[in-house]
Amino acid sequence: MSPRGRRAALPDAGQTTTRGLLPGPDLVVRVFAQDGGRYYDYRFGAFPGPESLRVALAEAFARRTAPGAGVTSLHTAQRIYRCVGIFCRYLATLAWPPQQVSVAYLSGGRPGEVINLE
């Protein structure tokens, strides 16, 4: 109930909120703020590089920004998105850009270094 004693209106039956990796060819990930009211669409389709890499990065971003996954603000999601964009642009400058990226590639093969892609 609201502070005034009114019951909250429920959504219509069958209505859902689309979040995460949206259907379609554009590789758009929709992220909601913790309060659930505001959201932003992050476009991975515009990044340079092979589509398989962009799809994998978009899926990882969607998992990381899902409810309960740790990223709770749009500001933090925006910072992660910027880093992914910088990383994709860097990979595009390489003479032989990778089709997929492993943890060993990211760490430069240095033992003991852990990078969490999830």
PDB file of N, CA and C in Angstrom:
ATOM      1  N   MET A   1       0.832  -1.185   0.000  1.00  0.00           N
ATOM      2  CA  MET A   1       0.000   0.000   0.000  1.00  0.00           C
ATOM      3  C   MET A   1       0.873   1.242   0.000  1.00  0.00           C
ATOM      4  N   SER A   2       0.341   2.277  -0.570  1.00  0.00           N
ATOM      5  CA  SER A   2       1.045   3.545  -0.587  1.00  0.00           C
ATOM      6  C   SER A   2       0.868   4.232   0.769  1.00  0.00           C
ATOM      7  N   PRO A   3       1.631   5.294   1.037  1.00  0.00           N
ATOM      8  CA  PRO A   3       1.478   6.005   2.309  1.00  0.00           C
ATOM      9  C   PRO A   3       0.058   6.548   2.510  1.00  0.00           C
ATOM     10  N   ARG A   4      -0.671   6.769   1.424  1.00  0.00           N
ATOM     11  CA  ARG A   4      -2.034   7.286   1.527  1.00  0.00           C
ATOM     12  C   ARG A   4      -3.058   6.171   1.717  1.00  0.00           C
ATOM     13  N   GLY A   5      -2.613   4.923   1.720  1.00  0.00           N
ATOM     14  CA  GLY A   5      -3.513   3.819   1.929  1.00  0.00           C
ATOM     15  C   GLY A   5      -4.125   3.259   0.661  1.00  0.00           C
ATOM     16  N   ARG A   6      -3.585   3.641  -0.498  1.00  0.00           N
ATOM     17  CA  ARG A   6      -4.112   3.126  -1.756  1.00  0.00           C
ATOM     18  C   ARG A   6      -3.285   1.915  -2.202  1.00  0.00           C
ATOM     19  N   ARG A   7      -3.961   0.962  -2.780  1.00  0.00           N
ATOM     20  CA  ARG A   7      -3.251  -0.192  -3.315  1.00  0.00           C
ATOM     21  C   ARG A   7      -2.577   0.184  -4.630  1.00  0.00           C
ATOM     22  N   ALA A   8      -1.388  -0.363  -4.844  1.00  0.00           N
ATOM     23  CA  ALA A   8      -0.673  -0.104  -6.086  1.00  0.00           C
ATOM     24  C   ALA A   8      -1.380  -0.792  -7.242  1.00  0.00           C
ATOM     25  N   ALA A   9      -1.340  -0.155  -8.393  1.00  0.00           N
ATOM     26  CA  ALA A   9      -1.957  -0.747  -9.581  1.00  0.00           C
ATOM     27  C   ALA A   9      -1.043  -1.847 -10.119  1.00  0.00           C
ATOM     28  N   LEU A  10      -1.630  -2.973 -10.425  1.00  0.00           N
ATOM     29  CA  LEU A  10      -0.870  -4.086 -10.971  1.00  0.00           C
ATOM     30  C   LEU A  10      -0.824  -3.980 -12.492  1.00  0.00           C
ATOM     31  N   PRO A  11       0.241  -4.482 -13.105  1.00  0.00           N
ATOM     32  CA  PRO A  11       0.308  -4.453 -14.565  1.00  0.00           C
ATOM     33  C   PRO A  11      -0.732  -5.391 -15.161  1.00  0.00           C
ATOM     34  N   ASP A  12      -1.063  -5.139 -16.417  1.00  0.00           N
ATOM     35  CA  ASP A  12      -2.027  -5.997 -17.107  1.00  0.00           C
ATOM     36  C   ASP A  12      -1.485  -7.417 -17.194  1.00  0.00           C
ATOM     37  N   ALA A  13      -2.379  -8.382 -17.274  1.00  0.00           N
ATOM     38  CA  ALA A  13      -1.984  -9.784 -17.374  1.00  0.00           C
ATOM     39  C   ALA A  13      -1.171  -9.994 -18.647  1.00  0.00           C
ATOM     40  N   GLY A  14      -0.068 -10.700 -18.512  1.00  0.00           N
ATOM     41  CA  GLY A  14       0.782 -10.989 -19.665  1.00  0.00           C
ATOM     42  C   GLY A  14       1.766  -9.890 -20.017  1.00  0.00           C
ATOM     43  N   GLN A  15       1.716  -8.761 -19.343  1.00  0.00           N
ATOM     44  CA  GLN A  15       2.624  -7.666 -19.635  1.00  0.00           C
ATOM     45  C   GLN A  15       3.976  -7.948 -18.990  1.00  0.00           C
ATOM     46  N   THR A  16       5.037  -7.761 -19.740  1.00  0.00           N
ATOM     47  CA  THR A  16       6.379  -7.965 -19.204  1.00  0.00           C
ATOM     48  C   THR A  16       7.246  -6.757 -19.502  1.00  0.00           C
ATOM     49  N   THR A  17       8.299  -6.608 -18.751  1.00  0.00           N
ATOM     50  CA  THR A  17       9.274  -5.562 -18.983  1.00  0.00           C
ATOM     51  C   THR A  17      10.457  -6.182 -19.702  1.00  0.00           C
ATOM     52  N   THR A  18      10.798  -5.630 -20.845  1.00  0.00           N
ATOM     53  CA  THR A  18      11.905  -6.161 -21.620  1.00  0.00           C
ATOM     54  C   THR A  18      13.204  -5.585 -21.084  1.00  0.00           C
ATOM     55  N   ARG A  19      14.082  -6.470 -20.664  1.00  0.00           N
ATOM     56  CA  ARG A  19      15.387  -6.061 -20.160  1.00  0.00           C
ATOM     57  C   ARG A  19      16.416  -7.047 -20.677  1.00  0.00           C
ATOM     58  N   GLY A  20      17.693  -6.707 -20.525  1.00  0.00           N
ATOM     59  CA  GLY A  20      18.752  -7.578 -21.010  1.00  0.00           C
ATOM     60  C   GLY A  20      18.952  -7.406 -22.502  1.00  0.00           C
ATOM     61  N   LEU A  21      19.440  -8.442 -23.150  1.00  0.00           N
ATOM     62  CA  LEU A  21      19.701  -8.409 -24.589  1.00  0.00           C
ATOM     63  C   LEU A  21      18.363  -8.455 -25.323  1.00  0.00           C
ATOM     64  N   LEU A  22      18.038  -7.368 -26.013  1.00  0.00           N
ATOM     65  CA  LEU A  22      16.751  -7.262 -26.696  1.00  0.00           C
ATOM     66  C   LEU A  22      16.783  -8.047 -28.001  1.00  0.00           C
ATOM     67  N   PRO A  23      15.649  -8.597 -28.405  1.00  0.00           N
ATOM     68  CA  PRO A  23      15.614  -9.318 -29.670  1.00  0.00           C
ATOM     69  C   PRO A  23      15.849  -8.371 -30.843  1.00  0.00           C
ATOM     70  N   GLY A  24      16.480  -8.878 -31.868  1.00  0.00           N
ATOM     71  CA  GLY A  24      16.747  -8.065 -33.051  1.00  0.00           C
ATOM     72  C   GLY A  24      18.213  -8.089 -33.421  1.00  0.00           C
ATOM     73  N   PRO A  25      18.529  -7.581 -34.585  1.00  0.00           N
ATOM     74  CA  PRO A  25      19.905  -7.658 -35.090  1.00  0.00           C
ATOM     75  C   PRO A  25      20.839  -6.565 -34.569  1.00  0.00           C
ATOM     76  N   ASP A  26      20.325  -5.620 -33.784  1.00  0.00           N
ATOM     77  CA  ASP A  26      21.128  -4.453 -33.403  1.00  0.00           C
ATOM     78  C   ASP A  26      22.004  -4.646 -32.170  1.00  0.00           C
ATOM     79  N   LEU A  27      21.900  -5.770 -31.489  1.00  0.00           N
ATOM     80  CA  LEU A  27      22.668  -6.043 -30.263  1.00  0.00           C
ATOM     81  C   LEU A  27      22.494  -4.927 -29.234  1.00  0.00           C
ATOM     82  N   VAL A  28      21.270  -4.728 -28.793  1.00  0.00           N
ATOM     83  CA  VAL A  28      20.949  -3.703 -27.800  1.00  0.00           C
ATOM     84  C   VAL A  28      20.682  -4.387 -26.470  1.00  0.00           C
ATOM     85  N   VAL A  29      21.346  -3.878 -25.418  1.00  0.00           N
ATOM     86  CA  VAL A  29      21.125  -4.375 -24.060  1.00  0.00           C
ATOM     87  C   VAL A  29      20.423  -3.273 -23.274  1.00  0.00           C
ATOM     88  N   ARG A  30      19.250  -3.585 -22.719  1.00  0.00           N
ATOM     89  CA  ARG A  30      18.490  -2.620 -21.907  1.00  0.00           C
ATOM     90  C   ARG A  30      18.794  -2.874 -20.442  1.00  0.00           C
ATOM     91  N   VAL A  31      19.226  -1.813 -19.760  1.00  0.00           N
ATOM     92  CA  VAL A  31      19.572  -1.894 -18.340  1.00  0.00           C
ATOM     93  C   VAL A  31      18.686  -0.928 -17.570  1.00  0.00           C
ATOM     94  N   PHE A  32      18.082  -1.423 -16.492  1.00  0.00           N
ATOM     95  CA  PHE A  32      17.245  -0.601 -15.624  1.00  0.00           C
ATOM     96  C   PHE A  32      18.037  -0.200 -14.391  1.00  0.00           C
ATOM     97  N   ALA A  33      17.754   0.995 -13.891  1.00  0.00           N
ATOM     98  CA  ALA A  33      18.335   1.433 -12.627  1.00  0.00           C
ATOM     99  C   ALA A  33      17.751   0.580 -11.509  1.00  0.00           C
ATOM    100  N   GLN A  34      18.388   0.601 -10.365  1.00  0.00           N
ATOM    101  CA  GLN A  34      17.957  -0.216  -9.240  1.00  0.00           C
ATOM    102  C   GLN A  34      16.519   0.086  -8.838  1.00  0.00           C
ATOM    103  N   ASP A  35      16.104   1.351  -8.957  1.00  0.00           N
ATOM    104  CA  ASP A  35      14.735   1.702  -8.581  1.00  0.00           C
ATOM    105  C   ASP A  35      13.706   1.191  -9.590  1.00  0.00           C
ATOM    106  N   GLY A  36      14.167   0.745 -10.760  1.00  0.00           N
ATOM    107  CA  GLY A  36      13.281   0.152 -11.743  1.00  0.00           C
ATOM    108  C   GLY A  36      12.578   1.143 -12.650  1.00  0.00           C
ATOM    109  N   GLY A  37      12.710   2.422 -12.389  1.00  0.00           N
ATOM    110  CA  GLY A  37      12.007   3.417 -13.188  1.00  0.00           C
ATOM    111  C   GLY A  37      12.763   3.852 -14.428  1.00  0.00           C
ATOM    112  N   ARG A  38      14.028   4.150 -14.268  1.00  0.00           N
ATOM    113  CA  ARG A  38      14.828   4.638 -15.396  1.00  0.00           C
ATOM    114  C   ARG A  38      15.556   3.479 -16.060  1.00  0.00           C
ATOM    115  N   TYR A  39      15.787   3.605 -17.364  1.00  0.00           N
ATOM    116  CA  TYR A  39      16.557   2.596 -18.080  1.00  0.00           C
ATOM    117  C   TYR A  39      17.342   3.257 -19.197  1.00  0.00           C
ATOM    118  N   TYR A  40      18.311   2.526 -19.716  1.00  0.00           N
ATOM    119  CA  TYR A  40      19.107   3.007 -20.843  1.00  0.00           C
ATOM    120  C   TYR A  40      19.402   1.828 -21.755  1.00  0.00           C
ATOM    121  N   ASP A  41      19.409   2.076 -23.047  1.00  0.00           N
ATOM    122  CA  ASP A  41      19.731   1.051 -24.033  1.00  0.00           C
ATOM    123  C   ASP A  41      21.171   1.226 -24.487  1.00  0.00           C
ATOM    124  N   TYR A  42      21.959   0.167 -24.350  1.00  0.00           N
ATOM    125  CA  TYR A  42      23.365   0.170 -24.744  1.00  0.00           C
ATOM    126  C   TYR A  42      23.502  -0.608 -26.049  1.00  0.00           C
ATOM    127  N   ARG A  43      24.065   0.036 -27.073  1.00  0.00           N
ATOM    128  CA  ARG A  43      24.133  -0.538 -28.409  1.00  0.00           C
ATOM    129  C   ARG A  43      25.514  -1.128 -28.684  1.00  0.00           C
ATOM    130  N   PHE A  44      25.570  -2.442 -28.742  1.00  0.00           N
ATOM    131  CA  PHE A  44      26.826  -3.142 -29.012  1.00  0.00           C
ATOM    132  C   PHE A  44      27.044  -3.363 -30.505  1.00  0.00           C
ATOM    133  N   GLY A  45      26.005  -3.199 -31.302  1.00  0.00           N
ATOM    134  CA  GLY A  45      26.117  -3.409 -32.739  1.00  0.00           C
ATOM    135  C   GLY A  45      26.984  -2.371 -33.427  1.00  0.00           C
ATOM    136  N   ALA A  46      27.172  -1.211 -32.819  1.00  0.00           N
ATOM    137  CA  ALA A  46      27.964  -0.146 -33.426  1.00  0.00           C
ATOM    138  C   ALA A  46      29.465  -0.305 -33.184  1.00  0.00           C
ATOM    139  N   PHE A  47      29.844  -1.196 -32.276  1.00  0.00           N
ATOM    140  CA  PHE A  47      31.269  -1.379 -31.996  1.00  0.00           C
ATOM    141  C   PHE A  47      31.960  -2.073 -33.164  1.00  0.00           C
ATOM    142  N   PRO A  48      33.231  -1.745 -33.396  1.00  0.00           N
ATOM    143  CA  PRO A  48      33.964  -2.454 -34.443  1.00  0.00           C
ATOM    144  C   PRO A  48      34.323  -3.865 -33.995  1.00  0.00           C
ATOM    145  N   GLY A  49      34.602  -4.722 -34.958  1.00  0.00           N
ATOM    146  CA  GLY A  49      35.038  -6.075 -34.636  1.00  0.00           C
ATOM    147  C   GLY A  49      34.066  -7.114 -35.155  1.00  0.00           C
ATOM    148  N   PRO A  50      34.451  -8.362 -35.034  1.00  0.00           N
ATOM    149  CA  PRO A  50      33.597  -9.448 -35.525  1.00  0.00           C
ATOM    150  C   PRO A  50      32.303  -9.551 -34.718  1.00  0.00           C
ATOM    151  N   GLU A  51      31.247  -9.958 -35.392  1.00  0.00           N
ATOM    152  CA  GLU A  51      29.946 -10.038 -34.736  1.00  0.00           C
ATOM    153  C   GLU A  51      29.948 -11.036 -33.588  1.00  0.00           C
ATOM    154  N   SER A  52      30.667 -12.146 -33.756  1.00  0.00           N
ATOM    155  CA  SER A  52      30.689 -13.154 -32.695  1.00  0.00           C
ATOM    156  C   SER A  52      31.256 -12.580 -31.401  1.00  0.00           C
ATOM    157  N   LEU A  53      32.254 -11.726 -31.507  1.00  0.00           N
ATOM    158  CA  LEU A  53      32.843 -11.091 -30.321  1.00  0.00           C
ATOM    159  C   LEU A  53      31.867 -10.093 -29.711  1.00  0.00           C
ATOM    160  N   ARG A  54      31.214  -9.288 -30.558  1.00  0.00           N
ATOM    161  CA  ARG A  54      30.255  -8.303 -30.044  1.00  0.00           C
ATOM    162  C   ARG A  54      29.067  -8.981 -29.376  1.00  0.00           C
ATOM    163  N   VAL A  55      28.610 -10.108 -29.933  1.00  0.00           N
ATOM    164  CA  VAL A  55      27.507 -10.850 -29.318  1.00  0.00           C
ATOM    165  C   VAL A  55      27.928 -11.368 -27.944  1.00  0.00           C
ATOM    166  N   ALA A  56      29.130 -11.939 -27.866  1.00  0.00           N
ATOM    167  CA  ALA A  56      29.614 -12.470 -26.587  1.00  0.00           C
ATOM    168  C   ALA A  56      29.750 -11.355 -25.544  1.00  0.00           C
ATOM    169  N   LEU A  57      30.256 -10.197 -25.952  1.00  0.00           N
ATOM    170  CA  LEU A  57      30.398  -9.074 -25.018  1.00  0.00           C
ATOM    171  C   LEU A  57      29.026  -8.547 -24.583  1.00  0.00           C
ATOM    172  N   ALA A  58      28.070  -8.476 -25.508  1.00  0.00           N
ATOM    173  CA  ALA A  58      26.721  -8.019 -25.164  1.00  0.00           C
ATOM    174  C   ALA A  58      26.056  -8.990 -24.192  1.00  0.00           C
ATOM    175  N   GLU A  59      26.224 -10.289 -24.412  1.00  0.00           N
ATOM    176  CA  GLU A  59      25.644 -11.284 -23.503  1.00  0.00           C
ATOM    177  C   GLU A  59      26.271 -11.193 -22.114  1.00  0.00           C
ATOM    178  N   ALA A  60      27.592 -11.019 -22.064  1.00  0.00           N
ATOM    179  CA  ALA A  60      28.266 -10.883 -20.771  1.00  0.00           C
ATOM    180  C   ALA A  60      27.811  -9.614 -20.054  1.00  0.00           C
ATOM    181  N   PHE A  61      27.645  -8.525 -20.800  1.00  0.00           N
ATOM    182  CA  PHE A  61      27.171  -7.260 -20.224  1.00  0.00           C
ATOM    183  C   PHE A  61      25.745  -7.429 -19.689  1.00  0.00           C
ATOM    184  N   ALA A  62      24.901  -8.133 -20.440  1.00  0.00           N
ATOM    185  CA  ALA A  62      23.519  -8.356 -19.995  1.00  0.00           C
ATOM    186  C   ALA A  62      23.485  -9.180 -18.709  1.00  0.00           C
ATOM    187  N   ARG A  63      24.355 -10.189 -18.616  1.00  0.00           N
ATOM    188  CA  ARG A  63      24.405 -10.996 -17.380  1.00  0.00           C
ATOM    189  C   ARG A  63      24.897 -10.160 -16.206  1.00  0.00           C
ATOM    190  N   ARG A  64      25.889  -9.319 -16.443  1.00  0.00           N
ATOM    191  CA  ARG A  64      26.490  -8.529 -15.360  1.00  0.00           C
ATOM    192  C   ARG A  64      25.556  -7.440 -14.861  1.00  0.00           C
ATOM    193  N   THR A  65      24.669  -6.955 -15.731  1.00  0.00           N
ATOM    194  CA  THR A  65      23.761  -5.871 -15.346  1.00  0.00           C
ATOM    195  C   THR A  65      22.362  -6.376 -15.011  1.00  0.00           C
ATOM    196  N   ALA A  66      22.166  -7.682 -14.960  1.00  0.00           N
ATOM    197  CA  ALA A  66      20.869  -8.254 -14.602  1.00  0.00           C
ATOM    198  C   ALA A  66      20.577  -8.000 -13.123  1.00  0.00           C
ATOM    199  N   PRO A  67      19.313  -8.026 -12.732  1.00  0.00           N
ATOM    200  CA  PRO A  67      18.979  -7.833 -11.315  1.00  0.00           C
ATOM    201  C   PRO A  67      19.698  -8.857 -10.434  1.00  0.00           C
ATOM    202  N   GLY A  68      20.315  -8.376  -9.373  1.00  0.00           N
ATOM    203  CA  GLY A  68      21.019  -9.245  -8.442  1.00  0.00           C
ATOM    204  C   GLY A  68      22.424  -9.605  -8.862  1.00  0.00           C
ATOM    205  N   ALA A  69      22.902  -9.079  -9.981  1.00  0.00           N
ATOM    206  CA  ALA A  69      24.239  -9.437 -10.476  1.00  0.00           C
ATOM    207  C   ALA A  69      25.325  -8.475 -10.005  1.00  0.00           C
ATOM    208  N   GLY A  70      24.963  -7.424  -9.288  1.00  0.00           N
ATOM    209  CA  GLY A  70      25.979  -6.559  -8.700  1.00  0.00           C
ATOM    210  C   GLY A  70      25.999  -5.142  -9.252  1.00  0.00           C
ATOM    211  N   VAL A  71      25.715  -4.935 -10.520  1.00  0.00           N
ATOM    212  CA  VAL A  71      25.705  -3.588 -11.083  1.00  0.00           C
ATOM    213  C   VAL A  71      24.303  -3.026 -10.875  1.00  0.00           C
ATOM    214  N   THR A  72      24.195  -2.001 -10.022  1.00  0.00           N
ATOM    215  CA  THR A  72      22.871  -1.506  -9.631  1.00  0.00           C
ATOM    216  C   THR A  72      22.581  -0.086 -10.102  1.00  0.00           C
ATOM    217  N   SER A  73      23.549   0.581 -10.721  1.00  0.00           N
ATOM    218  CA  SER A  73      23.292   1.954 -11.158  1.00  0.00           C
ATOM    219  C   SER A  73      23.594   2.099 -12.643  1.00  0.00           C
ATOM    220  N   LEU A  74      22.881   3.017 -13.268  1.00  0.00           N
ATOM    221  CA  LEU A  74      23.126   3.286 -14.680  1.00  0.00           C
ATOM    222  C   LEU A  74      24.511   3.900 -14.890  1.00  0.00           C
ATOM    223  N   HIS A  75      24.986   4.633 -13.905  1.00  0.00           N
ATOM    224  CA  HIS A  75      26.326   5.235 -13.998  1.00  0.00           C
ATOM    225  C   HIS A  75      27.395   4.145 -14.101  1.00  0.00           C
ATOM    226  N   THR A  76      27.297   3.137 -13.269  1.00  0.00           N
ATOM    227  CA  THR A  76      28.262   2.034 -13.315  1.00  0.00           C
ATOM    228  C   THR A  76      28.145   1.267 -14.623  1.00  0.00           C
ATOM    229  N   ALA A  77      26.924   1.026 -15.077  1.00  0.00           N
ATOM    230  CA  ALA A  77      26.729   0.340 -16.354  1.00  0.00           C
ATOM    231  C   ALA A  77      27.340   1.143 -17.500  1.00  0.00           C
ATOM    232  N   GLN A  78      27.189   2.474 -17.450  1.00  0.00           N
ATOM    233  CA  GLN A  78      27.760   3.333 -18.489  1.00  0.00           C
ATOM    234  C   GLN A  78      29.289   3.244 -18.489  1.00  0.00           C
ATOM    235  N   ARG A  79      29.901   3.197 -17.321  1.00  0.00           N
ATOM    236  CA  ARG A  79      31.362   3.082 -17.240  1.00  0.00           C
ATOM    237  C   ARG A  79      31.845   1.759 -17.823  1.00  0.00           C
ATOM    238  N   ILE A  80      31.139   0.676 -17.526  1.00  0.00           N
ATOM    239  CA  ILE A  80      31.499  -0.631 -18.080  1.00  0.00           C
ATOM    240  C   ILE A  80      31.348  -0.604 -19.598  1.00  0.00           C
ATOM    241  N   TYR A  81      30.257  -0.034 -20.087  1.00  0.00           N
ATOM    242  CA  TYR A  81      30.003   0.049 -21.528  1.00  0.00           C
ATOM    243  C   TYR A  81      31.115   0.832 -22.237  1.00  0.00           C
ATOM    244  N   ARG A  82      31.536   1.932 -21.645  1.00  0.00           N
ATOM    245  CA  ARG A  82      32.629   2.715 -22.239  1.00  0.00           C
ATOM    246  C   ARG A  82      33.904   1.892 -22.332  1.00  0.00           C
ATOM    247  N   CYS A  83      34.206   1.141 -21.287  1.00  0.00           N
ATOM    248  CA  CYS A  83      35.403   0.296 -21.294  1.00  0.00           C
ATOM    249  C   CYS A  83      35.315  -0.777 -22.379  1.00  0.00           C
ATOM    250  N   VAL A  84      34.144  -1.363 -22.563  1.00  0.00           N
ATOM    251  CA  VAL A  84      33.961  -2.356 -23.619  1.00  0.00           C
ATOM    252  C   VAL A  84      34.184  -1.709 -24.985  1.00  0.00           C
ATOM    253  N   GLY A  85      33.683  -0.491 -25.166  1.00  0.00           N
ATOM    254  CA  GLY A  85      33.882   0.228 -26.428  1.00  0.00           C
ATOM    255  C   GLY A  85      35.344   0.515 -26.696  1.00  0.00           C
ATOM    256  N   ILE A  86      36.063   0.950 -25.688  1.00  0.00           N
ATOM    257  CA  ILE A  86      37.504   1.212 -25.832  1.00  0.00           C
ATOM    258  C   ILE A  86      38.235  -0.079 -26.186  1.00  0.00           C
ATOM    259  N   PHE A  87      37.858  -1.162 -25.523  1.00  0.00           N
ATOM    260  CA  PHE A  87      38.478  -2.460 -25.778  1.00  0.00           C
ATOM    261  C   PHE A  87      38.213  -2.917 -27.219  1.00  0.00           C
ATOM    262  N   CYS A  88      36.988  -2.765 -27.702  1.00  0.00           N
ATOM    263  CA  CYS A  88      36.666  -3.161 -29.082  1.00  0.00           C
ATOM    264  C   CYS A  88      37.427  -2.316 -30.094  1.00  0.00           C
ATOM    265  N   ARG A  89      37.529  -1.020 -29.828  1.00  0.00           N
ATOM    266  CA  ARG A  89      38.288  -0.158 -30.749  1.00  0.00           C
ATOM    267  C   ARG A  89      39.765  -0.519 -30.746  1.00  0.00           C
ATOM    268  N   TYR A  90      40.300  -0.892 -29.583  1.00  0.00           N
ATOM    269  CA  TYR A  90      41.686  -1.340 -29.513  1.00  0.00           C
ATOM    270  C   TYR A  90      41.880  -2.616 -30.337  1.00  0.00           C
ATOM    271  N   LEU A  91      40.991  -3.579 -30.155  1.00  0.00           N
ATOM    272  CA  LEU A  91      41.113  -4.834 -30.895  1.00  0.00           C
ATOM    273  C   LEU A  91      41.042  -4.602 -32.397  1.00  0.00           C
ATOM    274  N   ALA A  92      40.253  -3.617 -32.828  1.00  0.00           N
ATOM    275  CA  ALA A  92      40.121  -3.323 -34.255  1.00  0.00           C
ATOM    276  C   ALA A  92      41.407  -2.760 -34.848  1.00  0.00           C
ATOM    277  N   THR A  93      42.305  -2.225 -34.012  1.00  0.00           N
ATOM    278  CA  THR A  93      43.557  -1.674 -34.520  1.00  0.00           C
ATOM    279  C   THR A  93      44.637  -2.742 -34.702  1.00  0.00           C
ATOM    280  N   LEU A  94      44.416  -3.924 -34.176  1.00  0.00           N
ATOM    281  CA  LEU A  94      45.417  -4.980 -34.278  1.00  0.00           C
ATOM    282  C   LEU A  94      45.507  -5.505 -35.708  1.00  0.00           C
ATOM    283  N   ALA A  95      46.696  -5.942 -36.095  1.00  0.00           N
ATOM    284  CA  ALA A  95      46.897  -6.473 -37.443  1.00  0.00           C
ATOM    285  C   ALA A  95      46.024  -7.705 -37.680  1.00  0.00           C
ATOM    286  N   TRP A  96      45.889  -8.553 -36.674  1.00  0.00           N
ATOM    287  CA  TRP A  96      45.041  -9.738 -36.748  1.00  0.00           C
ATOM    288  C   TRP A  96      44.108  -9.735 -35.546  1.00  0.00           C
ATOM    289  N   PRO A  97      43.002  -9.011 -35.650  1.00  0.00           N
ATOM    290  CA  PRO A  97      42.102  -8.959 -34.496  1.00  0.00           C
ATOM    291  C   PRO A  97      41.531 -10.339 -34.185  1.00  0.00           C
ATOM    292  N   PRO A  98      41.417 -10.668 -32.913  1.00  0.00           N
ATOM    293  CA  PRO A  98      40.888 -11.984 -32.538  1.00  0.00           C
ATOM    294  C   PRO A  98      39.401 -12.089 -32.839  1.00  0.00           C
ATOM    295  N   GLN A  99      38.953 -13.307 -33.126  1.00  0.00           N
ATOM    296  CA  GLN A  99      37.534 -13.569 -33.335  1.00  0.00           C
ATOM    297  C   GLN A  99      36.835 -13.806 -31.997  1.00  0.00           C
ATOM    298  N   GLN A 100      37.595 -14.330 -31.032  1.00  0.00           N
ATOM    299  CA  GLN A 100      37.107 -14.533 -29.671  1.00  0.00           C
ATOM    300  C   GLN A 100      38.226 -14.139 -28.725  1.00  0.00           C
ATOM    301  N   VAL A 101      37.864 -13.792 -27.503  1.00  0.00           N
ATOM    302  CA  VAL A 101      38.860 -13.362 -26.520  1.00  0.00           C
ATOM    303  C   VAL A 101      38.763 -14.273 -25.304  1.00  0.00           C
ATOM    304  N   SER A 102      39.904 -14.790 -24.895  1.00  0.00           N
ATOM    305  CA  SER A 102      39.951 -15.634 -23.703  1.00  0.00           C
ATOM    306  C   SER A 102      40.596 -14.869 -22.559  1.00  0.00           C
ATOM    307  N   VAL A 103      40.476 -15.415 -21.376  1.00  0.00           N
ATOM    308  CA  VAL A 103      41.115 -14.797 -20.215  1.00  0.00           C
ATOM    309  C   VAL A 103      42.628 -14.765 -20.404  1.00  0.00           C
ATOM    310  N   ALA A 104      43.186 -15.809 -20.990  1.00  0.00           N
ATOM    311  CA  ALA A 104      44.633 -15.840 -21.227  1.00  0.00           C
ATOM    312  C   ALA A 104      45.051 -14.696 -22.151  1.00  0.00           C
ATOM    313  N   TYR A 105      44.223 -14.382 -23.139  1.00  0.00           N
ATOM    314  CA  TYR A 105      44.535 -13.276 -24.046  1.00  0.00           C
ATOM    315  C   TYR A 105      44.507 -11.952 -23.304  1.00  0.00           C
ATOM    316  N   LEU A 106      43.494 -11.769 -22.460  1.00  0.00           N
ATOM    317  CA  LEU A 106      43.357 -10.512 -21.726  1.00  0.00           C
ATOM    318  C   LEU A 106      44.485 -10.314 -20.724  1.00  0.00           C
ATOM    319  N   SER A 107      44.939 -11.382 -20.099  1.00  0.00           N
ATOM    320  CA  SER A 107      45.973 -11.244 -19.078  1.00  0.00           C
ATOM    321  C   SER A 107      47.365 -11.290 -19.683  1.00  0.00           C
ATOM    322  N   GLY A 108      47.459 -11.470 -20.990  1.00  0.00           N
ATOM    323  CA  GLY A 108      48.767 -11.523 -21.625  1.00  0.00           C
ATOM    324  C   GLY A 108      49.492 -12.807 -21.299  1.00  0.00           C
ATOM    325  N   GLY A 109      48.765 -13.812 -20.855  1.00  0.00           N
ATOM    326  CA  GLY A 109      49.382 -15.089 -20.539  1.00  0.00           C
ATOM    327  C   GLY A 109      50.143 -15.108 -19.235  1.00  0.00           C
ATOM    328  N   ARG A 110      50.012 -14.063 -18.430  1.00  0.00           N
ATOM    329  CA  ARG A 110      50.721 -14.025 -17.149  1.00  0.00           C
ATOM    330  C   ARG A 110      50.025 -14.900 -16.141  1.00  0.00           C
ATOM    331  N   PRO A 111      50.727 -15.861 -15.552  1.00  0.00           N
ATOM    332  CA  PRO A 111      50.077 -16.756 -14.594  1.00  0.00           C
ATOM    333  C   PRO A 111      49.657 -16.023 -13.322  1.00  0.00           C
ATOM    334  N   GLY A 112      48.559 -16.474 -12.753  1.00  0.00           N
ATOM    335  CA  GLY A 112      48.101 -15.913 -11.493  1.00  0.00           C
ATOM    336  C   GLY A 112      47.235 -14.689 -11.633  1.00  0.00           C
ATOM    337  N   GLU A 113      47.073 -14.191 -12.840  1.00  0.00           N
ATOM    338  CA  GLU A 113      46.263 -13.000 -13.045  1.00  0.00           C
ATOM    339  C   GLU A 113      44.850 -13.435 -13.431  1.00  0.00           C
ATOM    340  N   VAL A 114      43.859 -12.959 -12.714  1.00  0.00           N
ATOM    341  CA  VAL A 114      42.493 -13.367 -12.935  1.00  0.00           C
ATOM    342  C   VAL A 114      41.671 -12.180 -13.439  1.00  0.00           C
ATOM    343  N   ILE A 115      40.943 -12.395 -14.510  1.00  0.00           N
ATOM    344  CA  ILE A 115      40.040 -11.376 -15.036  1.00  0.00           C
ATOM    345  C   ILE A 115      38.661 -11.988 -15.137  1.00  0.00           C
ATOM    346  N   ASN A 116      37.681 -11.389 -14.500  1.00  0.00           N
ATOM    347  CA  ASN A 116      36.322 -11.926 -14.502  1.00  0.00           C
ATOM    348  C   ASN A 116      35.538 -11.293 -15.653  1.00  0.00           C
ATOM    349  N   LEU A 117      35.173 -12.107 -16.644  1.00  0.00           N
ATOM    350  CA  LEU A 117      34.414 -11.609 -17.779  1.00  0.00           C
ATOM    351  C   LEU A 117      32.922 -11.704 -17.547  1.00  0.00           C
ATOM    352  N   GLU A 118      32.490 -12.336 -16.501  1.00  0.00           N
ATOM    353  CA  GLU A 118      31.051 -12.514 -16.259  1.00  0.00           C
ATOM    354  C   GLU A 118      30.491 -11.339 -15.530  1.00  0.00           C
TER     355      GLU A 118
END
